[in-house]
Amino acid sequence: MVFANRKDEVRRIEERLTKDGISAAQMSGDVPQHKRIRTLEGFREGKIRVLVATDVAGRGIHIDGISHVINFTLPEDPDDYVHRIGRTGRAGASGTSISCAGEDDAFALPPIEELLGRKITCEMPPAELLKPV
């Protein structure tokens, strides 16, 4: 699962993944309820490989086997961070959470760390990944 804060970011990420041949779908407040249900079924069945969502999918969605949660943007509310990363590693299973934090949203890290009670390990991506595509 990939999370972003805004609907336009979700749409842009989903479009890019699809253009690159990755089966992806989006979920946000703009998606009608009947389509949300179909999208979740497709994701649960593995027909959709990547679900890109706003925090509308951060709570109340219980899908087994989500191996990775990626925060494309950090949430403004630290509680939303906990709910987002809680989509992976459920019921004793292991999972991976990766968060991207640029200059615009790095300010969100201290409140998240305070809520978690620990520092989040930060790493710079390798230089070859920072080259324009």
N, C-alpha and C. Protein backbone atom coordinates (compact mmCIF):
# COMPACT_ATOMS: atom_id res chain seq x y z
N MET A 1 0.84 -1.18 0.00
CA MET A 1 0.00 0.00 0.00
C MET A 1 0.88 1.23 0.00
N VAL A 2 0.44 2.24 -0.73
CA VAL A 2 1.12 3.52 -0.76
C VAL A 2 0.13 4.57 -0.28
N PHE A 3 0.56 5.38 0.67
CA PHE A 3 -0.29 6.45 1.19
C PHE A 3 0.24 7.81 0.79
N ALA A 4 -0.68 8.72 0.48
CA ALA A 4 -0.35 10.11 0.22
C ALA A 4 -1.43 10.96 0.89
N ASN A 5 -1.13 12.20 1.13
CA ASN A 5 -2.06 13.07 1.86
C ASN A 5 -3.19 13.62 1.01
N ARG A 6 -2.92 13.83 -0.26
CA ARG A 6 -3.91 14.49 -1.10
C ARG A 6 -4.39 13.59 -2.24
N LYS A 7 -5.64 13.81 -2.64
CA LYS A 7 -6.25 13.02 -3.72
C LYS A 7 -5.49 13.17 -5.03
N ASP A 8 -4.98 14.39 -5.32
CA ASP A 8 -4.26 14.57 -6.58
C ASP A 8 -2.94 13.81 -6.57
N GLU A 9 -2.30 13.69 -5.39
CA GLU A 9 -1.07 12.89 -5.29
C GLU A 9 -1.38 11.41 -5.52
N VAL A 10 -2.45 10.94 -4.91
CA VAL A 10 -2.87 9.54 -5.08
C VAL A 10 -3.11 9.25 -6.55
N ARG A 11 -3.83 10.12 -7.21
CA ARG A 11 -4.13 9.92 -8.64
C ARG A 11 -2.84 9.89 -9.46
N ARG A 12 -1.93 10.83 -9.20
CA ARG A 12 -0.68 10.92 -9.95
C ARG A 12 0.18 9.66 -9.74
N ILE A 13 0.28 9.19 -8.50
CA ILE A 13 1.07 7.99 -8.20
C ILE A 13 0.48 6.77 -8.89
N GLU A 14 -0.84 6.61 -8.79
CA GLU A 14 -1.50 5.47 -9.41
C GLU A 14 -1.32 5.50 -10.93
N GLU A 15 -1.45 6.67 -11.53
CA GLU A 15 -1.26 6.78 -12.97
C GLU A 15 0.16 6.42 -13.38
N ARG A 16 1.14 6.84 -12.60
CA ARG A 16 2.55 6.54 -12.92
C ARG A 16 2.83 5.04 -12.80
N LEU A 17 2.33 4.43 -11.73
CA LEU A 17 2.53 2.99 -11.56
C LEU A 17 1.89 2.22 -12.72
N THR A 18 0.68 2.59 -13.08
CA THR A 18 -0.03 1.93 -14.18
C THR A 18 0.74 2.11 -15.48
N LYS A 19 1.23 3.33 -15.73
CA LYS A 19 2.02 3.60 -16.94
C LYS A 19 3.27 2.74 -16.99
N ASP A 20 3.84 2.44 -15.82
CA ASP A 20 5.04 1.60 -15.74
C ASP A 20 4.72 0.11 -15.70
N GLY A 21 3.45 -0.25 -15.93
CA GLY A 21 3.08 -1.65 -16.03
C GLY A 21 2.77 -2.34 -14.71
N ILE A 22 2.57 -1.57 -13.67
CA ILE A 22 2.25 -2.15 -12.35
C ILE A 22 0.75 -2.03 -12.13
N SER A 23 0.13 -3.14 -11.77
CA SER A 23 -1.31 -3.14 -11.51
C SER A 23 -1.58 -2.35 -10.24
N ALA A 24 -2.20 -1.18 -10.39
CA ALA A 24 -2.46 -0.29 -9.26
C ALA A 24 -3.87 0.27 -9.35
N ALA A 25 -4.39 0.67 -8.20
CA ALA A 25 -5.69 1.32 -8.13
C ALA A 25 -5.63 2.36 -7.03
N GLN A 26 -6.52 3.32 -7.12
CA GLN A 26 -6.53 4.39 -6.13
C GLN A 26 -7.78 4.34 -5.27
N MET A 27 -7.62 4.84 -4.05
CA MET A 27 -8.74 4.93 -3.14
C MET A 27 -8.64 6.26 -2.39
N SER A 28 -9.67 7.07 -2.56
CA SER A 28 -9.73 8.35 -1.87
C SER A 28 -11.20 8.70 -1.68
N GLY A 29 -11.44 9.85 -1.07
CA GLY A 29 -12.81 10.29 -0.87
C GLY A 29 -13.55 10.54 -2.16
N ASP A 30 -12.83 10.70 -3.28
CA ASP A 30 -13.47 10.92 -4.58
C ASP A 30 -14.00 9.63 -5.21
N VAL A 31 -13.55 8.49 -4.70
CA VAL A 31 -13.95 7.20 -5.29
C VAL A 31 -15.30 6.79 -4.68
N PRO A 32 -16.30 6.54 -5.52
CA PRO A 32 -17.62 6.13 -5.00
C PRO A 32 -17.51 4.82 -4.19
N GLN A 33 -18.39 4.67 -3.21
CA GLN A 33 -18.34 3.52 -2.30
C GLN A 33 -18.37 2.19 -3.03
N HIS A 34 -19.20 2.03 -4.06
CA HIS A 34 -19.27 0.75 -4.77
C HIS A 34 -17.93 0.43 -5.45
N LYS A 35 -17.25 1.46 -5.94
CA LYS A 35 -15.94 1.23 -6.57
C LYS A 35 -14.88 0.93 -5.51
N ARG A 36 -14.98 1.55 -4.34
CA ARG A 36 -14.05 1.24 -3.24
C ARG A 36 -14.12 -0.24 -2.88
N ILE A 37 -15.36 -0.74 -2.80
CA ILE A 37 -15.55 -2.16 -2.45
C ILE A 37 -14.93 -3.06 -3.51
N ARG A 38 -15.17 -2.76 -4.79
CA ARG A 38 -14.58 -3.55 -5.88
C ARG A 38 -13.06 -3.47 -5.87
N THR A 39 -12.53 -2.28 -5.60
CA THR A 39 -11.08 -2.09 -5.55
C THR A 39 -10.48 -2.91 -4.41
N LEU A 40 -11.09 -2.87 -3.25
CA LEU A 40 -10.59 -3.65 -2.11
C LEU A 40 -10.65 -5.15 -2.40
N GLU A 41 -11.70 -5.60 -3.05
CA GLU A 41 -11.80 -7.02 -3.42
C GLU A 41 -10.67 -7.39 -4.38
N GLY A 42 -10.41 -6.54 -5.37
CA GLY A 42 -9.33 -6.80 -6.31
C GLY A 42 -7.97 -6.81 -5.64
N PHE A 43 -7.77 -5.93 -4.68
CA PHE A 43 -6.51 -5.88 -3.93
C PHE A 43 -6.37 -7.13 -3.06
N ARG A 44 -7.43 -7.49 -2.38
CA ARG A 44 -7.44 -8.67 -1.50
C ARG A 44 -7.15 -9.94 -2.30
N GLU A 45 -7.68 -10.02 -3.53
CA GLU A 45 -7.50 -11.20 -4.38
C GLU A 45 -6.16 -11.19 -5.12
N GLY A 46 -5.41 -10.08 -5.03
CA GLY A 46 -4.12 -10.00 -5.71
C GLY A 46 -4.21 -9.53 -7.15
N LYS A 47 -5.40 -9.19 -7.62
CA LYS A 47 -5.55 -8.68 -8.98
C LYS A 47 -4.97 -7.27 -9.09
N ILE A 48 -5.04 -6.54 -8.00
CA ILE A 48 -4.44 -5.22 -7.90
C ILE A 48 -3.23 -5.36 -6.99
N ARG A 49 -2.06 -5.04 -7.52
CA ARG A 49 -0.82 -5.26 -6.77
C ARG A 49 -0.53 -4.14 -5.78
N VAL A 50 -0.84 -2.89 -6.17
CA VAL A 50 -0.56 -1.74 -5.32
C VAL A 50 -1.82 -0.91 -5.15
N LEU A 51 -2.19 -0.68 -3.91
CA LEU A 51 -3.32 0.19 -3.59
C LEU A 51 -2.73 1.52 -3.13
N VAL A 52 -3.09 2.59 -3.83
CA VAL A 52 -2.61 3.94 -3.51
C VAL A 52 -3.78 4.67 -2.89
N ALA A 53 -3.58 5.20 -1.67
CA ALA A 53 -4.73 5.73 -0.95
C ALA A 53 -4.41 6.95 -0.10
N THR A 54 -5.47 7.70 0.17
CA THR A 54 -5.40 8.73 1.20
C THR A 54 -5.73 8.03 2.52
N ASP A 55 -5.85 8.78 3.57
CA ASP A 55 -6.13 8.18 4.87
C ASP A 55 -7.51 7.57 4.98
N VAL A 56 -8.32 7.67 3.92
CA VAL A 56 -9.61 6.98 3.90
C VAL A 56 -9.39 5.47 4.06
N ALA A 57 -8.20 4.97 3.65
CA ALA A 57 -7.89 3.54 3.75
C ALA A 57 -6.99 3.24 4.95
N GLY A 58 -6.65 4.24 5.73
CA GLY A 58 -5.74 4.02 6.85
C GLY A 58 -6.37 3.31 8.03
N ARG A 59 -7.66 3.41 8.13
CA ARG A 59 -8.36 2.80 9.27
C ARG A 59 -9.44 1.86 8.76
N GLY A 60 -9.64 0.79 9.49
CA GLY A 60 -10.76 -0.09 9.22
C GLY A 60 -10.59 -1.04 8.05
N ILE A 61 -9.46 -1.00 7.38
CA ILE A 61 -9.23 -1.93 6.28
C ILE A 61 -8.32 -3.04 6.79
N HIS A 62 -8.82 -4.24 6.77
CA HIS A 62 -8.06 -5.37 7.28
C HIS A 62 -7.86 -6.37 6.15
N ILE A 63 -6.68 -6.31 5.57
CA ILE A 63 -6.34 -7.22 4.48
C ILE A 63 -5.06 -7.94 4.87
N ASP A 64 -5.13 -9.25 4.95
CA ASP A 64 -3.96 -10.05 5.30
C ASP A 64 -2.93 -10.01 4.19
N GLY A 65 -1.67 -10.12 4.57
CA GLY A 65 -0.61 -10.29 3.60
C GLY A 65 -0.07 -9.02 2.98
N ILE A 66 -0.38 -7.85 3.51
CA ILE A 66 0.21 -6.62 2.98
C ILE A 66 1.65 -6.57 3.48
N SER A 67 2.59 -6.70 2.56
CA SER A 67 4.00 -6.82 2.95
C SER A 67 4.66 -5.47 3.21
N HIS A 68 4.20 -4.42 2.50
CA HIS A 68 4.83 -3.11 2.60
C HIS A 68 3.79 -2.00 2.66
N VAL A 69 4.08 -1.02 3.48
CA VAL A 69 3.33 0.23 3.48
C VAL A 69 4.34 1.32 3.21
N ILE A 70 4.05 2.14 2.22
CA ILE A 70 4.94 3.24 1.87
C ILE A 70 4.18 4.55 2.07
N ASN A 71 4.75 5.42 2.89
CA ASN A 71 4.21 6.76 3.07
C ASN A 71 4.91 7.66 2.06
N PHE A 72 4.25 7.93 0.95
CA PHE A 72 4.82 8.82 -0.05
C PHE A 72 4.95 10.22 0.54
N THR A 73 3.97 10.61 1.34
CA THR A 73 4.04 11.82 2.14
C THR A 73 3.67 11.44 3.57
N LEU A 74 4.30 12.10 4.53
CA LEU A 74 3.97 11.84 5.93
C LEU A 74 2.63 12.47 6.27
N PRO A 75 1.84 11.80 7.08
CA PRO A 75 0.55 12.39 7.46
C PRO A 75 0.76 13.58 8.39
N GLU A 76 -0.21 14.49 8.38
CA GLU A 76 -0.14 15.64 9.26
C GLU A 76 -0.47 15.27 10.69
N ASP A 77 -1.29 14.25 10.89
CA ASP A 77 -1.68 13.78 12.22
C ASP A 77 -0.88 12.53 12.56
N PRO A 78 -0.10 12.55 13.66
CA PRO A 78 0.71 11.38 14.02
C PRO A 78 -0.11 10.09 14.19
N ASP A 79 -1.35 10.20 14.66
CA ASP A 79 -2.19 9.01 14.79
C ASP A 79 -2.42 8.33 13.45
N ASP A 80 -2.52 9.13 12.39
CA ASP A 80 -2.71 8.57 11.05
C ASP A 80 -1.50 7.74 10.63
N TYR A 81 -0.31 8.14 11.07
CA TYR A 81 0.91 7.37 10.77
C TYR A 81 0.78 5.96 11.35
N VAL A 82 0.37 5.89 12.60
CA VAL A 82 0.22 4.60 13.27
C VAL A 82 -0.82 3.74 12.55
N HIS A 83 -1.93 4.34 12.15
CA HIS A 83 -2.96 3.58 11.44
C HIS A 83 -2.49 3.13 10.07
N ARG A 84 -1.75 3.99 9.37
CA ARG A 84 -1.22 3.61 8.05
C ARG A 84 -0.29 2.41 8.16
N ILE A 85 0.73 2.51 9.02
CA ILE A 85 1.71 1.43 9.08
C ILE A 85 1.11 0.16 9.69
N GLY A 86 -0.02 0.32 10.37
CA GLY A 86 -0.70 -0.84 10.94
C GLY A 86 -1.37 -1.72 9.90
N ARG A 87 -1.37 -1.32 8.64
CA ARG A 87 -1.95 -2.15 7.58
C ARG A 87 -1.03 -3.32 7.25
N THR A 88 0.24 -3.26 7.66
CA THR A 88 1.18 -4.36 7.43
C THR A 88 1.60 -4.94 8.77
N GLY A 89 2.12 -6.15 8.75
CA GLY A 89 2.58 -6.78 9.98
C GLY A 89 1.46 -7.08 10.94
N ARG A 90 0.30 -7.42 10.43
CA ARG A 90 -0.87 -7.67 11.27
C ARG A 90 -0.86 -9.09 11.83
N ALA A 91 -1.45 -9.24 12.99
CA ALA A 91 -1.66 -10.55 13.62
C ALA A 91 -0.36 -11.35 13.73
N GLY A 92 0.70 -10.69 14.14
CA GLY A 92 1.97 -11.39 14.35
C GLY A 92 2.82 -11.55 13.11
N ALA A 93 2.29 -11.21 11.95
CA ALA A 93 3.09 -11.31 10.72
C ALA A 93 4.08 -10.14 10.67
N SER A 94 5.13 -10.30 9.89
CA SER A 94 6.09 -9.20 9.75
C SER A 94 5.71 -8.36 8.54
N GLY A 95 6.15 -7.12 8.56
CA GLY A 95 5.88 -6.22 7.46
C GLY A 95 6.90 -5.10 7.46
N THR A 96 6.93 -4.36 6.38
CA THR A 96 7.89 -3.28 6.23
C THR A 96 7.15 -1.98 5.98
N SER A 97 7.60 -0.94 6.68
CA SER A 97 7.05 0.39 6.49
C SER A 97 8.18 1.32 6.06
N ILE A 98 7.96 2.03 4.97
CA ILE A 98 8.95 2.98 4.45
C ILE A 98 8.26 4.32 4.30
N SER A 99 8.89 5.36 4.82
CA SER A 99 8.32 6.70 4.72
C SER A 99 9.29 7.63 4.01
N CYS A 100 8.75 8.41 3.10
CA CYS A 100 9.54 9.43 2.41
C CYS A 100 9.28 10.75 3.12
N ALA A 101 10.34 11.47 3.41
CA ALA A 101 10.19 12.76 4.08
C ALA A 101 11.12 13.77 3.42
N GLY A 102 10.55 14.63 2.61
CA GLY A 102 11.31 15.70 2.00
C GLY A 102 11.26 16.94 2.88
N GLU A 103 11.78 18.01 2.37
CA GLU A 103 11.81 19.26 3.13
C GLU A 103 10.41 19.71 3.54
N ASP A 104 9.45 19.48 2.68
CA ASP A 104 8.10 19.97 2.95
C ASP A 104 7.40 19.27 4.10
N ASP A 105 7.71 17.99 4.35
CA ASP A 105 6.99 17.30 5.42
C ASP A 105 7.88 16.72 6.51
N ALA A 106 9.16 17.05 6.51
CA ALA A 106 10.05 16.57 7.56
C ALA A 106 9.62 17.09 8.93
N PHE A 107 8.92 18.22 8.96
CA PHE A 107 8.43 18.77 10.23
C PHE A 107 7.48 17.81 10.93
N ALA A 108 6.89 16.87 10.20
CA ALA A 108 5.95 15.92 10.78
C ALA A 108 6.65 14.82 11.57
N LEU A 109 7.96 14.64 11.39
CA LEU A 109 8.67 13.56 12.08
C LEU A 109 8.68 13.69 13.60
N PRO A 110 9.04 14.83 14.19
CA PRO A 110 9.10 14.90 15.65
C PRO A 110 7.80 14.51 16.37
N PRO A 111 6.62 14.98 15.92
CA PRO A 111 5.40 14.54 16.61
C PRO A 111 5.14 13.04 16.46
N ILE A 112 5.49 12.46 15.31
CA ILE A 112 5.32 11.02 15.12
C ILE A 112 6.25 10.27 16.06
N GLU A 113 7.51 10.70 16.13
CA GLU A 113 8.48 10.05 17.03
C GLU A 113 8.04 10.17 18.49
N GLU A 114 7.47 11.31 18.84
CA GLU A 114 6.99 11.49 20.21
C GLU A 114 5.87 10.50 20.52
N LEU A 115 4.94 10.34 19.59
CA LEU A 115 3.84 9.40 19.77
C LEU A 115 4.36 7.97 19.88
N LEU A 116 5.35 7.63 19.02
CA LEU A 116 5.91 6.27 19.03
C LEU A 116 6.80 6.02 20.24
N GLY A 117 7.35 7.10 20.80
CA GLY A 117 8.26 6.95 21.94
C GLY A 117 9.65 6.53 21.52
N ARG A 118 9.99 6.75 20.28
CA ARG A 118 11.33 6.41 19.78
C ARG A 118 11.62 7.20 18.51
N LYS A 119 12.90 7.28 18.17
CA LYS A 119 13.32 7.94 16.94
C LYS A 119 13.09 7.00 15.76
N ILE A 120 12.80 7.57 14.62
CA ILE A 120 12.66 6.81 13.38
C ILE A 120 14.00 6.89 12.66
N THR A 121 14.51 5.75 12.26
CA THR A 121 15.78 5.71 11.54
C THR A 121 15.60 6.34 10.17
N CYS A 122 16.45 7.32 9.87
CA CYS A 122 16.38 8.01 8.58
C CYS A 122 17.61 7.66 7.75
N GLU A 123 17.38 7.41 6.48
CA GLU A 123 18.46 7.09 5.55
C GLU A 123 18.29 7.91 4.29
N MET A 124 19.39 8.35 3.76
CA MET A 124 19.37 9.02 2.46
C MET A 124 19.39 7.95 1.38
N PRO A 125 18.61 8.13 0.32
CA PRO A 125 18.65 7.16 -0.77
C PRO A 125 19.99 7.23 -1.50
N PRO A 126 20.38 6.13 -2.12
CA PRO A 126 21.62 6.14 -2.89
C PRO A 126 21.57 7.19 -3.99
N ALA A 127 22.71 7.76 -4.30
CA ALA A 127 22.80 8.84 -5.30
C ALA A 127 22.19 8.45 -6.64
N GLU A 128 22.34 7.19 -7.07
CA GLU A 128 21.80 6.79 -8.36
C GLU A 128 20.27 6.85 -8.40
N LEU A 129 19.63 6.78 -7.25
CA LEU A 129 18.17 6.90 -7.21
C LEU A 129 17.69 8.35 -7.23
N LEU A 130 18.60 9.26 -7.02
CA LEU A 130 18.24 10.68 -6.99
C LEU A 130 18.39 11.37 -8.34
N LYS A 131 18.86 10.64 -9.33
CA LYS A 131 19.01 11.20 -10.66
C LYS A 131 17.64 11.35 -11.32
N PRO A 132 17.43 12.44 -12.06
CA PRO A 132 16.15 12.61 -12.77
C PRO A 132 15.91 11.48 -13.77
N VAL A 133 14.65 11.11 -13.92
CA VAL A 133 14.30 10.07 -14.89
C VAL A 133 13.62 10.65 -16.09
